[in-house]
């Protein structure tokens, strides 16, 4: 499944609920999932890293969907135009 296909899958399944919640509320859910991923990466408890990565990706797609951002187009910053330097 491509990034675009996954983003569309998330849109079809959750868009009505997500757009009603809005960007601020959705962003808070996203941040919570990032926190759970941080805990999993730190090795705190029985967190499943793979599941937490999936949750973060799904919520990122949700944020992109309700803000009319195509993530496949967005990642062209890295894949087509190229990014120079490192952080």
Protein backbone atom coordinates (compact mmCIF):
# COMPACT_ATOMS: atom_id res chain seq x y z
CA UNK A 1 0.00 0.00 0.00
CA UNK A 2 1.35 3.42 -0.92
CA UNK A 3 1.25 6.50 1.30
CA UNK A 4 -1.50 7.93 -0.91
CA UNK A 5 -3.55 4.73 -0.66
CA UNK A 6 -3.20 4.64 3.12
CA UNK A 7 -4.15 8.30 3.43
CA UNK A 8 -7.22 7.64 1.27
CA UNK A 9 -8.10 4.60 3.39
CA UNK A 10 -7.98 6.74 6.53
CA UNK A 11 -10.07 9.43 4.80
CA UNK A 12 -12.77 6.97 3.75
CA UNK A 13 -12.98 5.43 7.20
CA UNK A 14 -12.70 8.46 9.50
CA UNK A 15 -13.07 11.76 7.62
CA UNK A 16 -16.56 12.70 8.85
CA UNK A 17 -15.58 12.24 12.50
CA UNK A 18 -12.18 13.85 12.03
CA UNK A 19 -13.38 16.98 10.26
CA UNK A 20 -16.08 17.46 12.91
CA UNK A 21 -13.39 17.25 15.64
CA UNK A 22 -11.28 19.83 13.82
CA UNK A 23 -7.58 20.45 13.60
CA UNK A 24 -6.99 21.43 17.24
CA UNK A 25 -8.73 18.38 18.69
CA UNK A 26 -7.16 16.07 16.15
CA UNK A 27 -3.73 17.50 16.82
CA UNK A 28 -4.15 16.70 20.52
CA UNK A 29 -4.89 13.05 19.65
CA UNK A 30 -1.83 13.04 17.39
CA UNK A 31 0.36 14.39 20.19
CA UNK A 32 -0.97 11.73 22.57
CA UNK A 33 0.00 9.03 20.07
CA UNK A 34 3.46 10.57 19.65
CA UNK A 35 3.80 10.38 23.44
CA UNK A 36 2.85 6.71 23.40
CA UNK A 37 5.44 6.12 20.68
CA UNK A 38 8.04 7.94 22.79
CA UNK A 39 7.25 5.65 25.72
CA UNK A 40 7.51 2.60 23.49
CA UNK A 41 10.87 3.74 22.13
CA UNK A 42 12.13 4.36 25.64
CA UNK A 43 11.21 0.81 26.53
CA UNK A 44 8.65 1.81 29.15
CA UNK A 45 6.31 -1.11 29.77
CA UNK A 46 4.88 -3.53 27.26
CA UNK A 47 4.31 -1.07 24.44
CA UNK A 48 4.31 -2.44 20.93
CA UNK A 49 6.56 -0.13 18.90
CA UNK A 50 5.10 -1.22 15.59
CA UNK A 51 1.54 -0.48 16.75
CA UNK A 52 2.53 2.94 18.05
CA UNK A 53 4.26 3.83 14.76
CA UNK A 54 1.07 2.81 12.94
CA UNK A 55 -1.06 4.99 15.23
CA UNK A 56 1.17 8.03 14.68
CA UNK A 57 1.05 7.53 10.91
CA UNK A 58 -2.75 7.16 10.94
CA UNK A 59 -3.22 10.35 12.97
CA UNK A 60 -0.75 12.20 10.73
CA UNK A 61 -2.86 11.15 7.74
CA UNK A 62 -5.95 12.38 9.55
CA UNK A 63 -4.38 15.78 10.16
CA UNK A 64 -3.30 15.96 6.53
CA UNK A 65 -6.78 14.99 5.32
CA UNK A 66 -8.65 17.62 7.30
CA UNK A 67 -6.12 20.24 6.21
CA UNK A 68 -6.19 19.29 2.51
CA UNK A 69 -2.58 18.12 2.38
CA UNK A 70 -1.62 15.21 0.15
CA UNK A 71 1.26 13.55 2.00
CA UNK A 72 2.62 11.98 -1.18
CA UNK A 73 2.99 15.46 -2.65
CA UNK A 74 4.39 16.76 0.62
CA UNK A 75 7.21 14.20 0.78
CA UNK A 76 8.42 15.34 -2.63
CA UNK A 77 10.38 17.83 -0.55
CA UNK A 78 12.65 14.86 0.14
CA UNK A 79 12.15 12.61 -2.86
CA UNK A 80 12.08 15.00 -5.80
CA UNK A 81 13.45 18.40 -4.83
CA UNK A 82 15.93 17.02 -2.36
CA UNK A 83 16.82 18.47 1.00
CA UNK A 84 20.34 19.67 1.57
CA UNK A 85 22.11 19.51 4.87
CA UNK A 86 21.11 17.86 8.10
CA UNK A 87 19.60 18.91 11.37
